[in-house]
Each structure stands twice: as structure tokens, then as C-alpha cells.
C-alpha atoms as a PDB file:
ATOM      1  CA  UNK A   1     -18.131  -8.913  17.654  1.00  0.00           C
ATOM      2  CA  UNK A   2     -18.045  -4.999  17.457  1.00  0.00           C
ATOM      3  CA  UNK A   3     -21.554  -4.953  18.646  1.00  0.00           C
ATOM      4  CA  UNK A   4     -20.623  -6.498  22.070  1.00  0.00           C
ATOM      5  CA  UNK A   5     -17.729  -3.897  22.902  1.00  0.00           C
ATOM      6  CA  UNK A   6     -18.433  -0.446  23.820  1.00  0.00           C
ATOM      7  CA  UNK A   7     -16.278   2.870  25.152  1.00  0.00           C
ATOM      8  CA  UNK A   8     -12.555   2.474  24.336  1.00  0.00           C
ATOM      9  CA  UNK A   9     -12.497  -1.114  23.007  1.00  0.00           C
ATOM     10  CA  UNK A  10     -15.500  -0.372  20.615  1.00  0.00           C
ATOM     11  CA  UNK A  11     -13.131   2.622  18.948  1.00  0.00           C
ATOM     12  CA  UNK A  12      -9.830   1.173  19.434  1.00  0.00           C
ATOM     13  CA  UNK A  13     -11.093  -2.049  17.703  1.00  0.00           C
ATOM     14  CA  UNK A  14     -12.754  -0.007  15.421  1.00  0.00           C
ATOM     15  CA  UNK A  15     -10.014   1.611  14.470  1.00  0.00           C
ATOM     16  CA  UNK A  16      -7.696  -1.641  13.848  1.00  0.00           C
ATOM     17  CA  UNK A  17     -10.502  -3.631  11.960  1.00  0.00           C
ATOM     18  CA  UNK A  18     -10.527  -0.236   9.617  1.00  0.00           C
ATOM     19  CA  UNK A  19      -6.938  -0.145   9.116  1.00  0.00           C
ATOM     20  CA  UNK A  20      -6.882  -3.816   8.234  1.00  0.00           C
ATOM     21  CA  UNK A  21     -10.036  -3.301   5.922  1.00  0.00           C
ATOM     22  CA  UNK A  22      -8.318  -0.036   3.964  1.00  0.00           C
ATOM     23  CA  UNK A  23      -5.167  -2.567   3.252  1.00  0.00           C
ATOM     24  CA  UNK A  24      -7.296  -5.341   1.752  1.00  0.00           C
ATOM     25  CA  UNK A  25      -9.218  -2.600  -0.105  1.00  0.00           C
ATOM     26  CA  UNK A  26      -6.086  -1.298  -1.184  1.00  0.00           C
ATOM     27  CA  UNK A  27      -4.845  -4.659  -2.565  1.00  0.00           C
ATOM     28  CA  UNK A  28      -7.860  -5.773  -4.057  1.00  0.00           C
ATOM     29  CA  UNK A  29      -8.753  -1.992  -5.499  1.00  0.00           C
ATOM     30  CA  UNK A  30     -12.300  -1.495  -3.836  1.00  0.00           C
ATOM     31  CA  UNK A  31     -12.908   2.019  -4.086  1.00  0.00           C
ATOM     32  CA  UNK A  32     -16.456   2.224  -2.230  1.00  0.00           C
ATOM     33  CA  UNK A  33     -14.297   0.104   0.771  1.00  0.00           C
ATOM     34  CA  UNK A  34     -11.451   2.582   0.849  1.00  0.00           C
ATOM     35  CA  UNK A  35     -13.783   5.578   1.121  1.00  0.00           C
ATOM     36  CA  UNK A  36     -15.761   4.194   3.813  1.00  0.00           C
ATOM     37  CA  UNK A  37     -12.736   3.188   5.228  1.00  0.00           C
ATOM     38  CA  UNK A  38     -10.995   6.416   5.192  1.00  0.00           C
ATOM     39  CA  UNK A  39     -13.860   8.446   6.743  1.00  0.00           C
ATOM     40  CA  UNK A  40     -13.522   6.103   9.743  1.00  0.00           C
ATOM     41  CA  UNK A  41     -10.076   7.104  10.092  1.00  0.00           C
ATOM     42  CA  UNK A  42      -9.712  10.450   9.544  1.00  0.00           C
ATOM     43  CA  UNK A  43     -10.128  10.470  13.467  1.00  0.00           C
ATOM     44  CA  UNK A  44      -7.198   8.498  13.559  1.00  0.00           C
ATOM     45  CA  UNK A  45      -4.788   9.948  11.729  1.00  0.00           C
ATOM     46  CA  UNK A  46      -2.418  10.959  14.814  1.00  0.00           C
ATOM     47  CA  UNK A  47      -0.024   8.926  16.353  1.00  0.00           C
ATOM     48  CA  UNK A  48      -1.257   6.800  19.302  1.00  0.00           C
ATOM     49  CA  UNK A  49       0.917   4.624  21.974  1.00  0.00           C
ATOM     50  CA  UNK A  50       2.424   2.124  19.505  1.00  0.00           C
ATOM     51  CA  UNK A  51       4.544   3.204  17.285  1.00  0.00           C
ATOM     52  CA  UNK A  52       4.096   0.040  14.684  1.00  0.00           C
ATOM     53  CA  UNK A  53       0.458   0.396  14.916  1.00  0.00           C
ATOM     54  CA  UNK A  54       0.615   4.101  13.887  1.00  0.00           C
ATOM     55  CA  UNK A  55       2.751   3.350  11.089  1.00  0.00           C
ATOM     56  CA  UNK A  56       0.980   0.822   9.257  1.00  0.00           C
ATOM     57  CA  UNK A  57      -2.157   2.998  10.088  1.00  0.00           C
ATOM     58  CA  UNK A  58      -0.602   5.823   8.355  1.00  0.00           C
ATOM     59  CA  UNK A  59       0.653   4.026   5.531  1.00  0.00           C
ATOM     60  CA  UNK A  60      -2.526   2.775   4.508  1.00  0.00           C
ATOM     61  CA  UNK A  61      -4.523   6.088   4.846  1.00  0.00           C
ATOM     62  CA  UNK A  62      -1.812   7.736   3.120  1.00  0.00           C
ATOM     63  CA  UNK A  63      -1.510   5.511   0.006  1.00  0.00           C
ATOM     64  CA  UNK A  64      -5.603   5.586  -0.177  1.00  0.00           C
ATOM     65  CA  UNK A  65      -6.118   8.721   0.776  1.00  0.00           C
ATOM     66  CA  UNK A  66      -4.332  10.572  -2.024  1.00  0.00           C
ATOM     67  CA  UNK A  67      -5.396   7.685  -4.805  1.00  0.00           C
ATOM     68  CA  UNK A  68      -9.243   8.629  -3.792  1.00  0.00           C
ATOM     69  CA  UNK A  69      -8.596  12.211  -3.181  1.00  0.00           C
ATOM     70  CA  UNK A  70      -7.378  12.459  -6.602  1.00  0.00           C
ATOM     71  CA  UNK A  71     -10.053  10.303  -8.132  1.00  0.00           C
ATOM     72  CA  UNK A  72     -12.840  11.761  -6.310  1.00  0.00           C
ATOM     73  CA  UNK A  73     -11.520  15.487  -6.492  1.00  0.00           C
ATOM     74  CA  UNK A  74     -11.963  15.409  -2.726  1.00  0.00           C
ATOM     75  CA  UNK A  75      -9.453  18.068  -1.358  1.00  0.00           C
ATOM     76  CA  UNK A  76     -10.017  16.862   2.381  1.00  0.00           C
ATOM     77  CA  UNK A  77      -8.487  13.119   1.379  1.00  0.00           C
ATOM     78  CA  UNK A  78      -5.497  14.569  -0.365  1.00  0.00           C
ATOM     79  CA  UNK A  79      -4.919  17.025   3.012  1.00  0.00           C
ATOM     80  CA  UNK A  80      -5.192  13.798   5.212  1.00  0.00           C
ATOM     81  CA  UNK A  81      -2.810  12.149   2.970  1.00  0.00           C
ATOM     82  CA  UNK A  82      -0.512  15.104   3.016  1.00  0.00           C
ATOM     83  CA  UNK A  83      -0.157  14.732   6.775  1.00  0.00           C
ATOM     84  CA  UNK A  84       0.614  10.797   6.525  1.00  0.00           C
ATOM     85  CA  UNK A  85       3.276  11.865   3.917  1.00  0.00           C
ATOM     86  CA  UNK A  86       5.115  14.504   6.365  1.00  0.00           C
ATOM     87  CA  UNK A  87       4.814  12.159   9.334  1.00  0.00           C
ATOM     88  CA  UNK A  88       7.255   9.367   7.092  1.00  0.00           C
ATOM     89  CA  UNK A  89       8.990  12.390   5.872  1.00  0.00           C
ATOM     90  CA  UNK A  90      10.359  13.423   9.020  1.00  0.00           C
ATOM     91  CA  UNK A  91      11.356   9.689   9.936  1.00  0.00           C
ATOM     92  CA  UNK A  92      13.064   9.360   6.645  1.00  0.00           C
ATOM     93  CA  UNK A  93      14.908  12.467   7.034  1.00  0.00           C
ATOM     94  CA  UNK A  94      15.689  11.739  10.771  1.00  0.00           C
ATOM     95  CA  UNK A  95      17.328   8.459   8.888  1.00  0.00           C
ATOM     96  CA  UNK A  96      15.240   5.542   9.366  1.00  0.00           C
ATOM     97  CA  UNK A  97      15.640   3.026   6.937  1.00  0.00           C
ATOM     98  CA  UNK A  98      12.560   1.250   7.328  1.00  0.00           C
ATOM     99  CA  UNK A  99      10.505   4.220   6.929  1.00  0.00           C
ATOM    100  CA  UNK A 100      11.788   5.010   3.912  1.00  0.00           C
ATOM    101  CA  UNK A 101      10.264   2.449   1.496  1.00  0.00           C
ATOM    102  CA  UNK A 102       6.872   3.645   2.789  1.00  0.00           C
ATOM    103  CA  UNK A 103       7.816   7.283   2.310  1.00  0.00           C
ATOM    104  CA  UNK A 104       8.887   6.626  -1.252  1.00  0.00           C
ATOM    105  CA  UNK A 105       5.649   4.750  -2.164  1.00  0.00           C
ATOM    106  CA  UNK A 106       3.620   7.095  -0.844  1.00  0.00           C
ATOM    107  CA  UNK A 107       5.163  10.189  -2.702  1.00  0.00           C
ATOM    108  CA  UNK A 108       5.127   7.816  -5.771  1.00  0.00           C
ATOM    109  CA  UNK A 109       1.080   7.243  -5.203  1.00  0.00           C
ATOM    110  CA  UNK A 110       1.061  11.209  -4.535  1.00  0.00           C
ATOM    111  CA  UNK A 111       2.616  12.178  -7.935  1.00  0.00           C
ATOM    112  CA  UNK A 112       2.981   9.233 -10.046  1.00  0.00           C
ATOM    113  CA  UNK A 113       5.470   9.237 -12.601  1.00  0.00           C
ATOM    114  CA  UNK A 114       7.574   5.744 -13.565  1.00  0.00           C
ATOM    115  CA  UNK A 115      10.739   6.970 -12.054  1.00  0.00           C
ATOM    116  CA  UNK A 116       9.284   7.902  -9.082  1.00  0.00           C
ATOM    117  CA  UNK A 117       7.545   4.368  -8.921  1.00  0.00           C
ATOM    118  CA  UNK A 118      10.995   2.423  -9.702  1.00  0.00           C
ATOM    119  CA  UNK A 119      12.496   4.569  -6.760  1.00  0.00           C
ATOM    120  CA  UNK A 120      10.266   3.004  -4.426  1.00  0.00           C
ATOM    121  CA  UNK A 121      10.139  -0.382  -6.085  1.00  0.00           C
ATOM    122  CA  UNK A 122      13.893  -0.607  -5.368  1.00  0.00           C
ATOM    123  CA  UNK A 123      13.268   0.856  -1.602  1.00  0.00           C
ATOM    124  CA  UNK A 124      10.849  -1.769  -1.114  1.00  0.00           C
ATOM    125  CA  UNK A 125      13.132  -4.561  -2.574  1.00  0.00           C
ATOM    126  CA  UNK A 126      16.207  -3.750  -0.401  1.00  0.00           C
ATOM    127  CA  UNK A 127      13.423  -3.660   2.524  1.00  0.00           C
ATOM    128  CA  UNK A 128      12.271  -6.921   1.616  1.00  0.00           C
ATOM    129  CA  UNK A 129       8.453  -5.631   1.662  1.00  0.00           C
ATOM    130  CA  UNK A 130       7.720  -7.896  -0.664  1.00  0.00           C
ATOM    131  CA  UNK A 131       4.073  -7.200  -0.276  1.00  0.00           C
ATOM    132  CA  UNK A 132       4.241  -3.594  -0.693  1.00  0.00           C
ATOM    133  CA  UNK A 133       6.835  -3.925  -3.802  1.00  0.00           C
ATOM    134  CA  UNK A 134       3.911  -5.854  -5.298  1.00  0.00           C
ATOM    135  CA  UNK A 135       1.621  -2.868  -4.680  1.00  0.00           C
ATOM    136  CA  UNK A 136       3.989  -0.351  -6.230  1.00  0.00           C
ATOM    137  CA  UNK A 137       4.516  -2.457  -9.309  1.00  0.00           C
ATOM    138  CA  UNK A 138       1.293  -2.926 -10.136  1.00  0.00           C
ATOM    139  CA  UNK A 139       0.417   0.781  -9.364  1.00  0.00           C
ATOM    140  CA  UNK A 140       2.768   1.836 -11.736  1.00  0.00           C
ATOM    141  CA  UNK A 141       1.292  -0.486 -14.428  1.00  0.00           C
ATOM    142  CA  UNK A 142      -1.530   1.249 -14.153  1.00  0.00           C
ATOM    143  CA  UNK A 143       0.164   4.393 -14.222  1.00  0.00           C
ATOM    144  CA  UNK A 144       1.901   3.628 -17.558  1.00  0.00           C
ATOM    145  CA  UNK A 145      -1.637   1.659 -19.022  1.00  0.00           C
ATOM    146  CA  UNK A 146      -3.173   5.075 -18.503  1.00  0.00           C
ATOM    147  CA  UNK A 147      -0.157   6.815 -20.232  1.00  0.00           C
ATOM    148  CA  UNK A 148      -1.088   4.364 -23.386  1.00  0.00           C
ATOM    149  CA  UNK A 149       2.822   2.772 -22.295  1.00  0.00           C
ATOM    150  CA  UNK A 150       1.177  -0.854 -23.032  1.00  0.00           C
ATOM    151  CA  UNK A 151       4.080  -3.178 -23.090  1.00  0.00           C
ATOM    152  CA  UNK A 152       5.858  -1.619 -20.446  1.00  0.00           C
ATOM    153  CA  UNK A 153       2.534  -1.554 -18.355  1.00  0.00           C
ATOM    154  CA  UNK A 154       2.330  -5.347 -18.768  1.00  0.00           C
ATOM    155  CA  UNK A 155       5.844  -6.157 -17.899  1.00  0.00           C
ATOM    156  CA  UNK A 156       5.200  -4.127 -14.288  1.00  0.00           C
ATOM    157  CA  UNK A 157       1.944  -5.922 -13.821  1.00  0.00           C
ATOM    158  CA  UNK A 158       3.081  -9.690 -14.523  1.00  0.00           C
ATOM    159  CA  UNK A 159       5.856  -8.552 -12.093  1.00  0.00           C
ATOM    160  CA  UNK A 160       3.473  -7.593  -9.191  1.00  0.00           C
ATOM    161  CA  UNK A 161       1.399 -10.708 -10.039  1.00  0.00           C
ATOM    162  CA  UNK A 162       4.698 -13.078  -9.449  1.00  0.00           C
ATOM    163  CA  UNK A 163       5.419 -11.336  -6.377  1.00  0.00           C
ATOM    164  CA  UNK A 164       2.027 -11.602  -4.897  1.00  0.00           C
ATOM    165  CA  UNK A 165       2.228 -15.296  -5.911  1.00  0.00           C
ATOM    166  CA  UNK A 166       5.619 -15.682  -4.278  1.00  0.00           C
ATOM    167  CA  UNK A 167       3.759 -13.748  -1.239  1.00  0.00           C
ATOM    168  CA  UNK A 168       1.290 -16.212  -1.112  1.00  0.00           C
ATOM    169  CA  UNK A 169      -1.697 -13.913  -1.732  1.00  0.00           C
ATOM    170  CA  UNK A 170      -3.071 -16.564  -3.885  1.00  0.00           C
ATOM    171  CA  UNK A 171      -6.643 -14.323  -3.937  1.00  0.00           C
ATOM    172  CA  UNK A 172      -5.265 -11.373  -5.111  1.00  0.00           C
ATOM    173  CA  UNK A 173      -3.439 -13.520  -7.635  1.00  0.00           C
ATOM    174  CA  UNK A 174      -6.714 -15.193  -8.655  1.00  0.00           C
ATOM    175  CA  UNK A 175      -8.399 -11.647  -8.954  1.00  0.00           C
ATOM    176  CA  UNK A 176      -5.298 -10.384 -10.804  1.00  0.00           C
ATOM    177  CA  UNK A 177      -5.543 -13.413 -13.663  1.00  0.00           C
ATOM    178  CA  UNK A 178      -9.048 -12.175 -14.104  1.00  0.00           C
ATOM    179  CA  UNK A 179      -8.546  -8.629 -14.289  1.00  0.00           C
ATOM    180  CA  UNK A 180      -5.345  -8.609 -16.327  1.00  0.00           C
ATOM    181  CA  UNK A 181      -6.221 -11.092 -19.436  1.00  0.00           C
ATOM    182  CA  UNK A 182      -2.479 -11.199 -20.829  1.00  0.00           C
ATOM    183  CA  UNK A 183      -1.345 -12.846 -17.658  1.00  0.00           C
ATOM    184  CA  UNK A 184      -3.272 -16.176 -18.479  1.00  0.00           C
ATOM    185  CA  UNK A 185      -0.898 -19.280 -20.041  1.00  0.00           C
ATOM    186  CA  UNK A 186       1.915 -16.615 -19.257  1.00  0.00           C
ATOM    187  CA  UNK A 187       5.195 -18.297 -18.416  1.00  0.00           C
ATOM    188  CA  UNK A 188       7.615 -16.631 -15.585  1.00  0.00           C
ATOM    189  CA  UNK A 189      10.893 -15.440 -17.342  1.00  0.00           C
ATOM    190  CA  UNK A 190      13.115 -15.478 -14.428  1.00  0.00           C
ATOM    191  CA  UNK A 191      12.606 -17.003 -11.225  1.00  0.00           C
ATOM    192  CA  UNK A 192      13.533 -14.361  -8.141  1.00  0.00           C
ATOM    193  CA  UNK A 193      15.510 -15.796  -5.659  1.00  0.00           C
ATOM    194  CA  UNK A 194      14.687 -13.974  -2.540  1.00  0.00           C
ATOM    195  CA  UNK A 195      12.602 -14.982   0.727  1.00  0.00           C
ATOM    196  CA  UNK A 196       9.494 -13.480   1.444  1.00  0.00           C
ATOM    197  CA  UNK A 197       9.176  -9.694   3.277  1.00  0.00           C
ATOM    198  CA  UNK A 198       6.693 -11.776   5.524  1.00  0.00           C
ATOM    199  CA  UNK A 199       3.561 -10.471   7.013  1.00  0.00           C
ATOM    200  CA  UNK A 200       1.387  -7.406   7.608  1.00  0.00           C
ATOM    201  CA  UNK A 201       2.354  -7.274  11.158  1.00  0.00           C
ATOM    202  CA  UNK A 202       6.128  -8.226  10.559  1.00  0.00           C
ATOM    203  CA  UNK A 203       5.566  -5.153   8.219  1.00  0.00           C
ATOM    204  CA  UNK A 204       4.417  -2.870  10.851  1.00  0.00           C
ATOM    205  CA  UNK A 205       6.675  -3.636  13.326  1.00  0.00           C
ATOM    206  CA  UNK A 206       9.981  -3.142  11.080  1.00  0.00           C
ATOM    207  CA  UNK A 207       8.616   0.172  10.575  1.00  0.00           C
ATOM    208  CA  UNK A 208       8.868   0.826  14.277  1.00  0.00           C
ATOM    209  CA  UNK A 209      12.403   0.530  14.026  1.00  0.00           C
ATOM    210  CA  UNK A 210      14.538   4.129  13.037  1.00  0.00           C
END
């Protein structure tokens, strides 16, 4: 489809499809795709006429930028991610309740610790952002795994698995089952009583409200 477009239509379509591809790469942890999408989106790290679209794009750039910048020791990606963090920090200081969970999650990824992830998880839960809460639980679990806190790590990853299941992300849940062998045959300890936080676009629209 992109091959049939040209000019500004091609540019904006490339921007939006790359944003969604980066979001999926974060969920399924596709590092090669993240690097490729960040290269494209580095030209789109400024706000555009759509606030909700800007918020969603800068959110995924911020997360992936810190993750890949740290892993690849790429200062340019860290700088790019920091600009996104500053964007959401400003909104949070202005009292944007919808920007706060996003800011806390990016901040946790920028400087990982159990306490910073716990704060992000709490904010995402309060904001009914189930998919971001799931991402935060898994990232914290992976961090704790690196710190050799296996039992606690497994608890966070298991919670992430159930959140993704509740969100309806079957492919992600199946992927986690293959990645984390301890999930096989696991029983759910407590049923979460909360409604779905909805789709990516609902989240993007909610972040536009200060």
C-alpha cells in the first residue's frame, strides 16, 4: 500500500505504521524491529497537529529508545528517549492525570528499579491502562530476573501473563508461555475484577486529555 503513496501521504503513513510496528515490537520484544522503527521515527519526535497521536508516538519512542539505547550503548537513542520523557514530565507537572502513568512507565524504563516499576504499575492500574500495566509487570520481571531475584521475578511475569490474557492479547500470552516455561500448567491465584482498558487508540485518545 505504501508503494502507491507519495509526498506527504507517504510520509505520514510511514510515520503512523512505524509507530504501531514499534508498539508491537515492544510487546513481542523484537529488538531488530525496534532499532529499525526508531531510525524511521527519529524524524518524527516532535508534536504534530494531533495530540493523541503525538502522545502515543512519543510514548513508544521513549520506551524503545531507552531500552535499545542502553543495550546497544547508543547515546543518540538515549537522547531521543530523554526528549520524550521531558515531554511527558511537562504534562505531568501541568496536572495531566492521563500523562502521569505514561511518564512513570518511561521513567521506570529509563532507570530501572523495583520501586520505580511498582509506581508505574500502580499508576497504570489506576488509569485502567491494562496493556501498559502488563508491559510494566513484564519489564519489571525481566529486570528482577537479571538481578537474580527469581521468585519475585516469576510473580511479576505471571501477573503480566494474566493481564495480557485479560486484554485479549492471545498471541502475546502464547508467546510468553513459550518464553517462560514456569507459566505452563500454572493456575491463576486470584481473578482480577476489573474491566478492559481497551485498545491502543482509546489509550492514545485518553492521553490527549490533560
